Amino acid sequence: MRSTGRRGWTVRCDLCEHTFAAAVASRAQAVAFAESTGWIVGERTWCPMCAAAHTARRTA
């Protein structure tokens, strides 16, 4: 996750490099916004599609 200055924050998936832009003031707000749309943000950052594929493999 990186700051884009006044425009907010950008989150990038560690697996597919899909990006998500959040026009919010703080990193905590960006994380909360990304997680509310299905992103997993932590040690690794995954977009909703990669997170779903990973979860499907673990439960199969």
Protein backbone atom coordinates (compact mmCIF):
# COMPACT_ATOMS: atom_id res chain seq x y z
CA MET A 1 0.00 0.00 0.00
CA ARG A 2 1.33 3.42 -0.83
CA SER A 3 0.21 7.00 -0.48
CA THR A 4 -0.64 8.90 -3.64
CA GLY A 5 -0.34 12.26 -1.92
CA ARG A 6 -3.48 14.32 -1.69
CA ARG A 7 -5.41 11.87 -3.81
CA GLY A 8 -5.40 9.04 -1.26
CA TRP A 9 -3.92 5.54 -1.23
CA THR A 10 -3.28 2.77 -3.72
CA VAL A 11 -3.42 -0.92 -2.82
CA ARG A 12 -1.79 -3.50 -5.15
CA CYS A 13 -2.37 -7.26 -5.12
CA ASP A 14 0.81 -9.23 -4.42
CA LEU A 15 -0.23 -12.01 -6.79
CA CYS A 16 -1.74 -10.40 -9.89
CA GLU A 17 -0.81 -6.73 -9.38
CA HIS A 18 -4.45 -5.61 -9.68
CA THR A 19 -4.80 -2.19 -8.03
CA PHE A 20 -7.40 -0.41 -5.92
CA ALA A 21 -7.40 3.34 -5.31
CA ALA A 22 -8.99 4.78 -2.20
CA ALA A 23 -9.59 8.53 -1.98
CA VAL A 24 -9.30 8.74 1.80
CA ALA A 25 -7.02 10.64 4.16
CA SER A 26 -5.35 7.92 6.23
CA ARG A 27 -3.81 4.50 5.71
CA ALA A 28 -6.22 3.00 8.26
CA GLN A 29 -9.19 4.34 6.29
CA ALA A 30 -7.74 2.93 3.06
CA VAL A 31 -7.29 -0.51 4.65
CA ALA A 32 -10.86 -0.48 6.01
CA PHE A 33 -12.24 0.60 2.62
CA ALA A 34 -10.26 -2.04 0.72
CA GLU A 35 -11.29 -4.78 3.16
CA SER A 36 -14.95 -3.75 2.85
CA THR A 37 -14.72 -4.44 -0.89
CA GLY A 38 -13.18 -7.91 -0.48
CA TRP A 39 -9.44 -7.18 -0.38
CA ILE A 40 -7.23 -8.96 2.14
CA VAL A 41 -4.66 -6.51 3.53
CA GLY A 42 -1.95 -7.73 5.88
CA GLU A 43 1.44 -9.35 5.46
CA ARG A 44 0.28 -10.13 1.94
CA THR A 45 -2.25 -8.10 0.01
CA TRP A 46 -4.70 -9.95 -2.22
CA CYS A 47 -7.45 -8.65 -4.48
CA PRO A 48 -10.90 -10.25 -4.12
CA MET A 49 -10.33 -12.64 -7.06
CA CYS A 50 -6.98 -13.93 -5.78
CA ALA A 51 -8.37 -14.18 -2.25
CA ALA A 52 -11.33 -16.22 -3.51
CA ALA A 53 -9.07 -18.53 -5.52
CA HIS A 54 -6.79 -19.05 -2.52
CA THR A 55 -9.73 -19.78 -0.22
CA ALA A 56 -11.23 -22.23 -2.75
CA ARG A 57 -7.94 -24.15 -2.96
CA ARG A 58 -7.66 -24.37 0.83
CA THR A 59 -11.18 -25.76 1.27
CA ALA A 60 -11.13 -28.20 -1.66
